[in-house]
């Protein structure tokens, strides 16, 4: 039996909710951790779902305030480089090459640095998650937004790579109007405000603990997706509904309200 309720708008987290770039993100944070002498697993666990500016301030405290914006862009570009390396410098590049295997250059020949050689060995390309395309296409224009902990470079880079057209309202971590990022509710509150709806009448899709906490604090109805975490890792943060993927949720529009159905 489906659970059905009405809402004015939908607010999406991005990575782990719409897109999956987790391998590239973790590779980028692993590199930061190793460069700084930190435990990579601790850094990866501590940074998930939070803004790069907050994470860099914690794990690279030597960065000066006036340097931070540039460092965030540099870090987010590194995520996209990890995501693209397999198809740019690795076996994926060879797969796109119509020449014979005997004439294909090696990874080391295609890559210009050891960093690229290591990055190119694994396919970490950005993927769109199950059910996302169909669900987003069912929503009327002006009735949904993205509110992400990623900055503009990373957020738009990911959406572009999987064929998602960024909505008119896309709140990124570098938005100057934000006073705080997740786990504070500010990104979702701002997204709802920009759409012109009360956040209490919105639905939020999230995947991470910090994002779920932020969404619950915004007053929205929260649907958690088990795309980056096991259910047992996110079922105690207050989400109103938990689904495996967005394939389990359907949206209709009656001309006034969105009708959200969570399928059994």
Protein backbone atom coordinates (compact mmCIF):
# COMPACT_ATOMS: atom_id res chain seq x y z
CA UNK A 1 0.00 0.00 0.00
CA UNK A 2 1.51 3.32 -1.09
CA UNK A 3 1.88 6.20 1.36
CA UNK A 4 0.65 9.42 -0.28
CA UNK A 5 0.86 13.05 0.77
CA UNK A 6 0.83 16.49 -0.83
CA UNK A 7 3.61 19.06 -1.07
CA UNK A 8 4.39 22.35 -2.78
CA UNK A 9 7.94 21.58 -3.91
CA UNK A 10 10.84 19.12 -3.78
CA UNK A 11 14.35 19.98 -2.58
CA UNK A 12 17.13 17.64 -3.62
CA UNK A 13 20.53 17.09 -2.18
CA UNK A 14 22.85 16.30 -5.09
CA UNK A 15 25.68 13.84 -4.57
CA UNK A 16 24.49 10.54 -3.19
CA UNK A 17 20.90 11.56 -3.96
CA UNK A 18 20.83 12.54 -7.64
CA UNK A 19 24.34 11.57 -8.65
CA UNK A 20 26.97 9.13 -7.46
CA UNK A 21 30.50 10.50 -7.48
CA UNK A 22 31.42 8.90 -4.17
CA UNK A 23 34.51 7.13 -5.52
CA UNK A 24 35.90 10.36 -6.95
CA UNK A 25 35.05 12.34 -3.81
CA UNK A 26 36.66 9.76 -1.54
CA UNK A 27 39.75 9.62 -3.77
CA UNK A 28 40.09 13.40 -3.55
CA UNK A 29 39.74 13.42 0.24
CA UNK A 30 42.14 10.48 0.50
CA UNK A 31 44.73 12.53 -1.37
CA UNK A 32 44.17 15.49 0.98
CA UNK A 33 44.49 13.21 4.01
CA UNK A 34 47.71 11.61 2.82
CA UNK A 35 49.19 14.98 1.85
CA UNK A 36 48.45 16.27 5.37
CA UNK A 37 49.43 13.12 7.25
CA UNK A 38 45.89 12.29 8.40
CA UNK A 39 44.16 8.92 8.50
CA UNK A 40 42.30 8.73 5.15
CA UNK A 41 39.40 6.66 6.49
CA UNK A 42 38.77 9.14 9.30
CA UNK A 43 38.84 12.10 6.91
CA UNK A 44 36.51 10.40 4.43
CA UNK A 45 33.99 9.52 7.15
CA UNK A 46 34.13 13.00 8.70
CA UNK A 47 33.69 14.93 5.47
CA UNK A 48 30.69 13.18 3.90
CA UNK A 49 27.74 15.46 3.23
CA UNK A 50 29.50 18.61 4.44
CA UNK A 51 30.84 21.63 2.57
CA UNK A 52 34.39 21.49 1.28
CA UNK A 53 35.05 24.89 2.86
CA UNK A 54 34.21 23.52 6.32
CA UNK A 55 36.16 20.30 5.77
CA UNK A 56 39.25 22.07 4.43
CA UNK A 57 39.16 24.49 7.37
CA UNK A 58 39.24 21.49 9.70
CA UNK A 59 41.79 19.30 7.97
CA UNK A 60 43.97 21.95 6.32
CA UNK A 61 43.97 24.72 8.96
CA UNK A 62 47.00 26.34 7.34
CA UNK A 63 44.76 27.72 4.58
CA UNK A 64 44.30 31.46 5.09
CA UNK A 65 40.82 32.97 4.89
CA UNK A 66 41.65 34.93 1.74
CA UNK A 67 42.92 31.72 0.09
CA UNK A 68 39.97 29.51 0.96
CA UNK A 69 37.72 30.22 -2.02
CA UNK A 70 40.53 29.38 -4.44
CA UNK A 71 41.40 26.23 -2.47
CA UNK A 72 37.79 25.03 -2.55
CA UNK A 73 37.64 25.41 -6.33
CA UNK A 74 40.98 23.61 -6.65
CA UNK A 75 39.72 20.74 -4.48
CA UNK A 76 36.44 20.42 -6.37
CA UNK A 77 38.30 20.42 -9.67
CA UNK A 78 40.37 17.54 -8.30
CA UNK A 79 37.16 15.54 -7.69
CA UNK A 80 36.16 16.00 -11.32
CA UNK A 81 39.66 15.04 -12.46
CA UNK A 82 39.43 11.81 -10.49
CA UNK A 83 35.99 11.23 -12.04
CA UNK A 84 37.26 11.79 -15.58
CA UNK A 85 40.74 10.23 -15.32
CA UNK A 86 39.76 6.70 -16.37
CA UNK A 87 38.23 7.93 -19.62
CA UNK A 88 40.83 10.64 -20.19
CA UNK A 89 44.07 8.88 -19.34
CA UNK A 90 43.18 5.26 -18.56
CA UNK A 91 41.63 2.18 -20.17
CA UNK A 92 38.44 4.12 -20.88
CA UNK A 93 40.37 6.33 -23.26
CA UNK A 94 41.64 3.27 -25.05
CA UNK A 95 38.10 1.88 -25.30
CA UNK A 96 37.09 5.02 -27.18
CA UNK A 97 40.06 4.67 -29.51
CA UNK A 98 39.28 2.91 -32.79
CA UNK A 99 42.91 2.13 -33.45
CA UNK A 100 44.33 -1.33 -32.88
CA UNK A 101 45.34 -2.36 -29.39
CA UNK A 102 48.97 -2.55 -30.50
CA UNK A 103 49.03 1.16 -31.24
CA UNK A 104 47.22 2.36 -28.14
CA UNK A 105 49.43 4.30 -25.73
CA UNK A 106 49.86 3.01 -22.18
CA UNK A 107 48.31 4.75 -19.19
CA UNK A 108 51.69 6.20 -18.29
CA UNK A 109 52.09 7.56 -21.81
CA UNK A 110 48.63 9.19 -21.79
CA UNK A 111 49.00 10.64 -18.30
CA UNK A 112 51.37 13.47 -17.59
CA UNK A 113 51.94 12.78 -13.88
CA UNK A 114 52.05 9.95 -11.36
CA UNK A 115 48.87 11.37 -9.84
CA UNK A 116 47.07 10.90 -13.15
CA UNK A 117 48.49 7.41 -13.59
CA UNK A 118 47.09 6.32 -10.23
CA UNK A 119 43.77 8.12 -10.78
CA UNK A 120 43.32 6.54 -14.21
CA UNK A 121 43.53 2.96 -12.99
CA UNK A 122 39.95 2.92 -11.58
CA UNK A 123 36.72 4.04 -13.23
CA UNK A 124 35.35 6.68 -10.83
CA UNK A 125 33.07 8.40 -13.34
CA UNK A 126 29.97 10.24 -12.10
CA UNK A 127 26.75 8.23 -12.44
CA UNK A 128 23.08 9.19 -12.25
CA UNK A 129 21.27 7.20 -9.58
CA UNK A 130 18.29 4.87 -10.18
CA UNK A 131 14.92 6.53 -10.63
CA UNK A 132 16.30 10.08 -10.62
CA UNK A 133 15.75 10.95 -14.27
CA UNK A 134 12.15 9.71 -14.27
CA UNK A 135 11.25 11.39 -10.98
CA UNK A 136 12.76 14.75 -11.92
CA UNK A 137 11.01 14.71 -15.29
CA UNK A 138 7.67 14.25 -13.51
CA UNK A 139 8.06 17.56 -11.62
CA UNK A 140 6.77 20.84 -13.05
CA UNK A 141 9.26 23.63 -13.62
CA UNK A 142 9.61 25.87 -10.59
CA UNK A 143 8.57 23.13 -8.19
CA UNK A 144 12.01 21.73 -7.38
CA UNK A 145 15.49 22.87 -6.43
CA UNK A 146 18.90 21.50 -5.58
CA UNK A 147 20.55 22.32 -2.24
CA UNK A 148 24.00 20.78 -2.10
CA UNK A 149 27.14 20.86 0.02
CA UNK A 150 29.10 21.01 -3.23
CA UNK A 151 30.35 24.27 -4.67
CA UNK A 152 29.38 25.58 -8.10
CA UNK A 153 32.32 23.92 -9.89
CA UNK A 154 31.59 20.48 -8.50
CA UNK A 155 27.77 20.62 -8.47
CA UNK A 156 27.34 21.82 -12.03
CA UNK A 157 30.19 19.59 -13.18
CA UNK A 158 28.46 16.50 -11.79
CA UNK A 159 25.02 17.37 -13.12
CA UNK A 160 26.46 18.12 -16.55
CA UNK A 161 28.26 14.78 -16.66
CA UNK A 162 25.07 12.76 -16.11
CA UNK A 163 22.72 14.86 -18.24
CA UNK A 164 20.79 16.61 -15.47
CA UNK A 165 19.71 20.13 -16.41
CA UNK A 166 20.37 22.26 -13.32
CA UNK A 167 17.11 23.74 -12.03
CA UNK A 168 16.63 27.49 -11.87
CA UNK A 169 17.19 27.31 -8.11
CA UNK A 170 20.42 25.52 -7.24
CA UNK A 171 21.89 26.42 -3.86
CA UNK A 172 25.58 25.56 -3.77
CA UNK A 173 28.01 25.68 -0.88
CA UNK A 174 29.66 28.85 -2.15
CA UNK A 175 26.39 30.81 -2.23
CA UNK A 176 27.19 34.05 -0.40
CA UNK A 177 23.70 34.17 1.09
CA UNK A 178 24.37 31.10 3.22
CA UNK A 179 25.40 31.65 6.82
CA UNK A 180 26.08 27.96 7.40
CA UNK A 181 26.06 24.65 5.57
CA UNK A 182 24.69 21.24 6.47
CA UNK A 183 24.03 19.93 9.13
CA UNK A 184 22.45 23.37 9.64
CA UNK A 185 19.18 23.78 7.68
CA UNK A 186 20.25 26.96 5.86
CA UNK A 187 20.67 25.45 2.35
CA UNK A 188 17.16 23.98 2.38
CA UNK A 189 15.61 27.08 3.91
CA UNK A 190 17.19 29.25 1.22
CA UNK A 191 16.14 26.88 -1.56
CA UNK A 192 12.52 26.92 -0.37
CA UNK A 193 12.59 30.70 -0.05
CA UNK A 194 13.92 31.10 -3.58
CA UNK A 195 11.16 28.86 -4.92
CA UNK A 196 8.60 30.88 -2.94
CA UNK A 197 7.33 28.09 -0.71
CA UNK A 198 7.25 27.40 3.01
CA UNK A 199 9.87 24.72 3.76
CA UNK A 200 7.30 22.97 5.96
CA UNK A 201 5.34 22.27 2.78
CA UNK A 202 8.36 20.90 0.92
CA UNK A 203 9.85 17.43 0.56
CA UNK A 204 13.59 16.90 0.88
CA UNK A 205 15.53 13.97 -0.55
CA UNK A 206 18.79 13.26 1.27
CA UNK A 207 21.29 10.44 1.68
CA UNK A 208 23.80 11.48 4.37
CA UNK A 209 23.42 11.83 8.14
CA UNK A 210 24.41 15.51 8.11
CA UNK A 211 22.03 16.21 5.24
CA UNK A 212 19.14 14.40 6.92
CA UNK A 213 19.72 16.35 10.13
CA UNK A 214 19.68 19.59 8.12
CA UNK A 215 16.53 18.61 6.26
CA UNK A 216 14.67 17.64 9.43
CA UNK A 217 15.68 20.93 11.06
CA UNK A 218 14.22 22.83 8.09
CA UNK A 219 10.76 21.50 8.93
CA UNK A 220 10.34 19.69 5.61
CA UNK A 221 9.12 16.14 5.09
CA UNK A 222 12.32 14.14 4.67
CA UNK A 223 12.80 11.11 2.45
CA UNK A 224 16.14 9.40 3.01
CA UNK A 225 17.59 7.27 0.22
CA UNK A 226 19.90 4.35 0.99
CA UNK A 227 22.27 5.08 -1.86
CA UNK A 228 25.46 5.98 0.01
CA UNK A 229 24.71 4.52 3.45
CA UNK A 230 23.10 1.35 4.72
CA UNK A 231 19.65 1.82 6.21
CA UNK A 232 21.01 1.12 9.69
CA UNK A 233 23.41 4.06 9.32
CA UNK A 234 20.70 6.64 8.58
CA UNK A 235 17.50 5.35 10.21
CA UNK A 236 18.02 7.25 13.49
CA UNK A 237 18.39 10.84 12.22
CA UNK A 238 14.70 11.68 11.99
CA UNK A 239 13.82 11.07 8.33
CA UNK A 240 10.08 10.59 7.90
CA UNK A 241 10.51 7.96 5.18
CA UNK A 242 13.40 5.76 4.08
CA UNK A 243 13.60 4.16 0.64
CA UNK A 244 16.24 2.16 -1.16
CA UNK A 245 16.31 4.42 -4.24
CA UNK A 246 14.20 7.08 -5.88
CA UNK A 247 12.58 4.34 -7.94
CA UNK A 248 10.34 3.81 -4.90
CA UNK A 249 8.86 7.31 -5.08
CA UNK A 250 6.43 8.77 -7.60
CA UNK A 251 5.23 12.34 -8.12
CA UNK A 252 2.05 13.62 -9.78
CA UNK A 253 0.76 17.17 -10.11
CA UNK A 254 -2.90 18.11 -9.68
CA UNK A 255 -2.45 21.65 -10.94
CA UNK A 256 -1.91 23.05 -7.47
CA UNK A 257 -0.01 20.54 -5.34
CA UNK A 258 2.49 17.77 -5.92
CA UNK A 259 1.17 14.37 -4.93
CA UNK A 260 4.06 12.30 -3.58
CA UNK A 261 3.58 8.54 -3.36
CA UNK A 262 6.01 6.21 -1.61
CA UNK A 263 5.49 2.78 -3.07
CA UNK A 264 5.32 -0.26 -0.84
